[in-house]
Amino acid sequence: MEQKKEFMLMFRYEPSNNYQPTVSEINEQHQQWGAFIGNIAVQEKLVSTYQLSLEGNQILSNKTVVKGMLVAQKQIVAGNMIVKANSLTEATEMAKHCPVLSVGGTVEVREISPM
């Protein structure tokens, strides 16, 4: 049997100051995320998952500290998940069910390599 590898799923979305979801929409999103994470956990493929706060600092190569997070292509990294899978294809199939996709976000899937 092939040894499972670990993959990181990075969740990105475009933040908006103009739109605030309703309580009902927030509750629905929580349920969708719970089902998504729970489904992977039940299959014993979940290693860890984290939601990132909107506060942070960036340290540039010259050691200058810039308050805030990196916004690339109008998106921020909102969180990540480490999963076990036999291949990049299998991990990618898991990511296709991520709730961030339903709000216009993206998921990047990358194999984790030991340092």
N, C-alpha and C. Protein backbone atom coordinates (compact mmCIF):
# COMPACT_ATOMS: atom_id res chain seq x y z
N MET A 1 0.83 -1.18 0.00
CA MET A 1 0.00 0.00 0.00
C MET A 1 0.88 1.25 0.00
N GLU A 2 0.50 2.20 -0.83
CA GLU A 2 1.28 3.42 -0.96
C GLU A 2 1.16 4.29 0.28
N GLN A 3 2.28 4.87 0.71
CA GLN A 3 2.31 5.76 1.87
C GLN A 3 1.62 7.08 1.52
N LYS A 4 0.70 7.53 2.37
CA LYS A 4 0.03 8.80 2.13
C LYS A 4 1.01 9.95 2.31
N LYS A 5 0.85 10.98 1.48
CA LYS A 5 1.66 12.19 1.57
C LYS A 5 0.81 13.26 2.23
N GLU A 6 1.45 14.35 2.64
CA GLU A 6 0.71 15.46 3.21
C GLU A 6 0.69 16.62 2.22
N PHE A 7 -0.46 17.28 2.15
CA PHE A 7 -0.67 18.40 1.25
C PHE A 7 -1.28 19.56 2.03
N MET A 8 -0.88 20.78 1.68
CA MET A 8 -1.48 21.96 2.28
C MET A 8 -2.48 22.55 1.29
N LEU A 9 -3.67 22.83 1.80
CA LEU A 9 -4.68 23.54 1.04
C LEU A 9 -4.69 24.96 1.60
N MET A 10 -4.42 25.95 0.76
CA MET A 10 -4.42 27.35 1.20
C MET A 10 -5.66 28.03 0.64
N PHE A 11 -6.43 28.62 1.54
CA PHE A 11 -7.70 29.23 1.18
C PHE A 11 -7.52 30.73 1.01
N ARG A 12 -7.90 31.23 -0.16
CA ARG A 12 -7.78 32.66 -0.44
C ARG A 12 -9.14 33.21 -0.84
N TYR A 13 -9.36 34.47 -0.53
CA TYR A 13 -10.57 35.15 -0.99
C TYR A 13 -10.30 36.64 -1.06
N GLU A 14 -11.17 37.35 -1.74
CA GLU A 14 -11.07 38.80 -1.89
C GLU A 14 -11.91 39.46 -0.81
N PRO A 15 -11.26 40.13 0.16
CA PRO A 15 -12.04 40.79 1.21
C PRO A 15 -12.78 42.00 0.64
N SER A 16 -13.91 42.32 1.25
CA SER A 16 -14.71 43.46 0.78
C SER A 16 -15.16 44.28 1.98
N ASN A 17 -14.87 45.57 1.93
CA ASN A 17 -15.35 46.48 2.96
C ASN A 17 -16.78 46.91 2.67
N ASN A 18 -17.24 46.66 1.45
CA ASN A 18 -18.56 47.12 1.03
C ASN A 18 -19.68 46.14 1.36
N TYR A 19 -19.34 44.89 1.66
CA TYR A 19 -20.37 43.88 1.89
C TYR A 19 -20.14 43.19 3.21
N GLN A 20 -21.15 43.17 4.04
CA GLN A 20 -21.12 42.44 5.29
C GLN A 20 -22.18 41.34 5.22
N PRO A 21 -21.78 40.08 5.37
CA PRO A 21 -22.77 39.00 5.31
C PRO A 21 -23.75 39.10 6.48
N THR A 22 -24.96 38.60 6.25
CA THR A 22 -25.98 38.58 7.29
C THR A 22 -25.64 37.48 8.30
N VAL A 23 -26.29 37.51 9.44
CA VAL A 23 -26.09 36.46 10.45
C VAL A 23 -26.44 35.10 9.85
N SER A 24 -27.50 35.05 9.08
CA SER A 24 -27.92 33.81 8.43
C SER A 24 -26.84 33.30 7.46
N GLU A 25 -26.25 34.21 6.69
CA GLU A 25 -25.19 33.82 5.75
C GLU A 25 -23.95 33.32 6.50
N ILE A 26 -23.62 33.99 7.59
CA ILE A 26 -22.47 33.57 8.41
C ILE A 26 -22.72 32.17 8.98
N ASN A 27 -23.92 31.94 9.50
CA ASN A 27 -24.25 30.62 10.05
C ASN A 27 -24.18 29.55 8.98
N GLU A 28 -24.67 29.87 7.79
CA GLU A 28 -24.62 28.91 6.67
C GLU A 28 -23.17 28.60 6.30
N GLN A 29 -22.31 29.63 6.27
CA GLN A 29 -20.89 29.41 5.96
C GLN A 29 -20.24 28.52 7.02
N HIS A 30 -20.57 28.77 8.29
CA HIS A 30 -20.02 27.93 9.38
C HIS A 30 -20.44 26.47 9.20
N GLN A 31 -21.69 26.26 8.83
CA GLN A 31 -22.18 24.89 8.61
C GLN A 31 -21.46 24.24 7.42
N GLN A 32 -21.26 25.01 6.35
CA GLN A 32 -20.57 24.47 5.17
C GLN A 32 -19.13 24.10 5.50
N TRP A 33 -18.44 24.99 6.24
CA TRP A 33 -17.06 24.69 6.62
C TRP A 33 -17.00 23.48 7.56
N GLY A 34 -17.94 23.41 8.51
CA GLY A 34 -17.98 22.27 9.41
C GLY A 34 -18.17 20.96 8.67
N ALA A 35 -19.06 20.96 7.68
CA ALA A 35 -19.29 19.75 6.88
C ALA A 35 -18.06 19.40 6.05
N PHE A 36 -17.43 20.41 5.45
CA PHE A 36 -16.23 20.19 4.63
C PHE A 36 -15.10 19.59 5.46
N ILE A 37 -14.81 20.22 6.59
CA ILE A 37 -13.72 19.74 7.45
C ILE A 37 -14.09 18.40 8.08
N GLY A 38 -15.34 18.27 8.52
CA GLY A 38 -15.79 17.03 9.14
C GLY A 38 -15.71 15.84 8.19
N ASN A 39 -16.06 16.04 6.94
CA ASN A 39 -15.98 14.97 5.95
C ASN A 39 -14.55 14.47 5.78
N ILE A 40 -13.61 15.39 5.74
CA ILE A 40 -12.20 14.99 5.60
C ILE A 40 -11.72 14.31 6.89
N ALA A 41 -12.15 14.81 8.04
CA ALA A 41 -11.75 14.23 9.33
C ALA A 41 -12.28 12.81 9.49
N VAL A 42 -13.54 12.58 9.09
CA VAL A 42 -14.16 11.25 9.20
C VAL A 42 -13.38 10.22 8.37
N GLN A 43 -12.80 10.67 7.27
CA GLN A 43 -12.01 9.78 6.42
C GLN A 43 -10.58 9.58 6.95
N GLU A 44 -10.29 10.20 8.12
CA GLU A 44 -8.98 10.16 8.75
C GLU A 44 -7.89 10.71 7.83
N LYS A 45 -8.24 11.78 7.10
CA LYS A 45 -7.29 12.44 6.20
C LYS A 45 -6.94 13.85 6.66
N LEU A 46 -7.54 14.31 7.76
CA LEU A 46 -7.27 15.65 8.28
C LEU A 46 -6.08 15.61 9.23
N VAL A 47 -5.10 16.47 9.00
CA VAL A 47 -3.97 16.61 9.91
C VAL A 47 -4.19 17.83 10.80
N SER A 48 -4.49 18.99 10.18
CA SER A 48 -4.75 20.22 10.94
C SER A 48 -5.43 21.23 10.03
N THR A 49 -6.02 22.24 10.66
CA THR A 49 -6.62 23.33 9.89
C THR A 49 -6.60 24.59 10.76
N TYR A 50 -6.38 25.74 10.11
CA TYR A 50 -6.29 27.01 10.81
C TYR A 50 -6.97 28.11 10.00
N GLN A 51 -7.69 28.97 10.71
CA GLN A 51 -8.22 30.19 10.12
C GLN A 51 -7.27 31.30 10.56
N LEU A 52 -6.91 32.18 9.65
CA LEU A 52 -5.98 33.26 9.98
C LEU A 52 -6.75 34.54 10.28
N SER A 53 -6.25 35.31 11.25
CA SER A 53 -6.88 36.59 11.57
C SER A 53 -6.54 37.60 10.48
N LEU A 54 -7.22 38.73 10.52
CA LEU A 54 -6.97 39.77 9.52
C LEU A 54 -5.88 40.74 9.96
N GLU A 55 -5.29 40.51 11.13
CA GLU A 55 -4.18 41.34 11.60
C GLU A 55 -2.87 40.62 11.39
N GLY A 56 -1.83 41.38 11.08
CA GLY A 56 -0.52 40.78 10.91
C GLY A 56 0.51 41.80 10.47
N ASN A 57 1.72 41.34 10.33
CA ASN A 57 2.84 42.17 9.87
C ASN A 57 3.61 41.41 8.81
N GLN A 58 4.20 42.18 7.90
CA GLN A 58 5.10 41.62 6.92
C GLN A 58 6.51 42.13 7.23
N ILE A 59 7.50 41.27 7.20
CA ILE A 59 8.88 41.67 7.41
C ILE A 59 9.57 41.58 6.06
N LEU A 60 10.05 42.71 5.56
CA LEU A 60 10.70 42.76 4.27
C LEU A 60 12.16 42.33 4.39
N SER A 61 12.81 42.09 3.26
CA SER A 61 14.20 41.60 3.27
C SER A 61 15.15 42.57 3.96
N ASN A 62 14.83 43.86 3.99
CA ASN A 62 15.70 44.83 4.67
C ASN A 62 15.32 44.98 6.14
N LYS A 63 14.48 44.08 6.64
CA LYS A 63 14.01 44.00 8.03
C LYS A 63 12.98 45.08 8.38
N THR A 64 12.51 45.83 7.41
CA THR A 64 11.43 46.79 7.63
C THR A 64 10.15 46.01 7.89
N VAL A 65 9.37 46.48 8.86
CA VAL A 65 8.11 45.84 9.19
C VAL A 65 6.98 46.69 8.61
N VAL A 66 6.11 46.03 7.84
CA VAL A 66 4.95 46.68 7.26
C VAL A 66 3.72 46.08 7.92
N LYS A 67 2.89 46.96 8.50
CA LYS A 67 1.67 46.49 9.16
C LYS A 67 0.68 46.00 8.11
N GLY A 68 0.05 44.88 8.38
CA GLY A 68 -0.96 44.34 7.48
C GLY A 68 -0.50 43.07 6.81
N MET A 69 -1.39 42.54 5.98
CA MET A 69 -1.11 41.28 5.31
C MET A 69 -0.86 41.51 3.83
N LEU A 70 -0.25 40.55 3.20
CA LEU A 70 0.00 40.62 1.77
C LEU A 70 -1.30 40.39 1.02
N VAL A 71 -1.60 41.28 0.11
CA VAL A 71 -2.75 41.14 -0.77
C VAL A 71 -2.18 40.94 -2.16
N ALA A 72 -2.39 39.76 -2.73
CA ALA A 72 -1.89 39.43 -4.06
C ALA A 72 -3.07 39.14 -4.96
N GLN A 73 -3.11 39.78 -6.09
CA GLN A 73 -4.23 39.62 -7.02
C GLN A 73 -5.56 39.86 -6.31
N LYS A 74 -5.57 40.86 -5.43
CA LYS A 74 -6.74 41.28 -4.65
C LYS A 74 -7.22 40.23 -3.65
N GLN A 75 -6.43 39.17 -3.42
CA GLN A 75 -6.84 38.13 -2.48
C GLN A 75 -5.87 38.05 -1.31
N ILE A 76 -6.41 37.58 -0.17
CA ILE A 76 -5.60 37.30 1.01
C ILE A 76 -5.68 35.82 1.33
N VAL A 77 -4.66 35.31 2.02
CA VAL A 77 -4.72 33.94 2.51
C VAL A 77 -5.54 33.99 3.80
N ALA A 78 -6.66 33.26 3.81
CA ALA A 78 -7.57 33.29 4.94
C ALA A 78 -7.35 32.13 5.91
N GLY A 79 -6.69 31.08 5.45
CA GLY A 79 -6.45 29.92 6.30
C GLY A 79 -5.83 28.81 5.52
N ASN A 80 -5.61 27.69 6.20
CA ASN A 80 -5.02 26.54 5.53
C ASN A 80 -5.46 25.26 6.21
N MET A 81 -5.22 24.19 5.51
CA MET A 81 -5.55 22.86 6.02
C MET A 81 -4.46 21.91 5.54
N ILE A 82 -4.05 21.02 6.40
CA ILE A 82 -3.11 19.96 6.01
C ILE A 82 -3.92 18.67 5.94
N VAL A 83 -3.82 18.00 4.80
CA VAL A 83 -4.55 16.74 4.60
C VAL A 83 -3.58 15.65 4.17
N LYS A 84 -4.00 14.41 4.37
CA LYS A 84 -3.26 13.26 3.89
C LYS A 84 -3.95 12.75 2.64
N ALA A 85 -3.16 12.45 1.61
CA ALA A 85 -3.71 11.93 0.36
C ALA A 85 -2.63 11.10 -0.33
N ASN A 86 -3.07 10.25 -1.23
CA ASN A 86 -2.13 9.42 -1.98
C ASN A 86 -1.43 10.20 -3.09
N SER A 87 -2.05 11.31 -3.55
CA SER A 87 -1.49 12.04 -4.68
C SER A 87 -2.01 13.47 -4.68
N LEU A 88 -1.37 14.30 -5.49
CA LEU A 88 -1.83 15.67 -5.70
C LEU A 88 -3.24 15.67 -6.28
N THR A 89 -3.52 14.72 -7.15
CA THR A 89 -4.85 14.62 -7.76
C THR A 89 -5.92 14.36 -6.69
N GLU A 90 -5.65 13.45 -5.76
CA GLU A 90 -6.62 13.15 -4.69
C GLU A 90 -6.82 14.37 -3.79
N ALA A 91 -5.73 15.06 -3.43
CA ALA A 91 -5.85 16.25 -2.58
C ALA A 91 -6.63 17.35 -3.31
N THR A 92 -6.41 17.47 -4.60
CA THR A 92 -7.12 18.47 -5.41
C THR A 92 -8.61 18.16 -5.45
N GLU A 93 -8.97 16.89 -5.55
CA GLU A 93 -10.38 16.50 -5.55
C GLU A 93 -11.03 16.88 -4.22
N MET A 94 -10.31 16.72 -3.11
CA MET A 94 -10.83 17.13 -1.80
C MET A 94 -11.10 18.63 -1.81
N ALA A 95 -10.16 19.39 -2.34
CA ALA A 95 -10.24 20.85 -2.33
C ALA A 95 -11.41 21.38 -3.16
N LYS A 96 -11.85 20.62 -4.14
CA LYS A 96 -12.96 21.06 -5.00
C LYS A 96 -14.26 21.23 -4.23
N HIS A 97 -14.33 20.71 -3.00
CA HIS A 97 -15.55 20.80 -2.19
C HIS A 97 -15.47 21.92 -1.15
N CYS A 98 -14.42 22.74 -1.23
CA CYS A 98 -14.19 23.78 -0.23
C CYS A 98 -15.21 24.91 -0.34
N PRO A 99 -15.80 25.33 0.78
CA PRO A 99 -16.79 26.41 0.76
C PRO A 99 -16.25 27.76 0.28
N VAL A 100 -14.96 27.99 0.36
CA VAL A 100 -14.43 29.28 -0.09
C VAL A 100 -14.67 29.48 -1.59
N LEU A 101 -14.81 28.39 -2.32
CA LEU A 101 -15.07 28.48 -3.76
C LEU A 101 -16.43 29.09 -4.05
N SER A 102 -17.40 28.85 -3.17
CA SER A 102 -18.75 29.37 -3.39
C SER A 102 -18.87 30.87 -3.15
N VAL A 103 -17.84 31.48 -2.56
CA VAL A 103 -17.85 32.93 -2.36
C VAL A 103 -16.80 33.62 -3.24
N GLY A 104 -16.38 32.92 -4.29
CA GLY A 104 -15.44 33.52 -5.24
C GLY A 104 -13.98 33.36 -4.87
N GLY A 105 -13.69 32.59 -3.83
CA GLY A 105 -12.31 32.39 -3.41
C GLY A 105 -11.63 31.30 -4.21
N THR A 106 -10.39 31.03 -3.84
CA THR A 106 -9.60 29.99 -4.50
C THR A 106 -8.94 29.09 -3.46
N VAL A 107 -8.57 27.90 -3.90
CA VAL A 107 -7.81 26.98 -3.05
C VAL A 107 -6.56 26.58 -3.82
N GLU A 108 -5.41 26.75 -3.18
CA GLU A 108 -4.15 26.28 -3.78
C GLU A 108 -3.75 25.01 -3.04
N VAL A 109 -3.39 23.98 -3.78
CA VAL A 109 -3.02 22.69 -3.19
C VAL A 109 -1.55 22.44 -3.48
N ARG A 110 -0.77 22.20 -2.43
CA ARG A 110 0.67 21.96 -2.60
C ARG A 110 1.12 20.83 -1.71
N GLU A 111 1.99 19.98 -2.24
CA GLU A 111 2.57 18.91 -1.41
C GLU A 111 3.54 19.53 -0.41
N ILE A 112 3.55 18.98 0.78
CA ILE A 112 4.47 19.44 1.82
C ILE A 112 5.75 18.62 1.73
N SER A 113 6.87 19.31 1.68
CA SER A 113 8.18 18.65 1.65
C SER A 113 8.90 18.93 2.95
N PRO A 114 9.44 17.90 3.59
CA PRO A 114 10.19 18.13 4.84
C PRO A 114 11.41 19.01 4.58
N MET A 115 11.74 19.84 5.57
CA MET A 115 12.92 20.72 5.45
C MET A 115 14.13 20.04 6.02
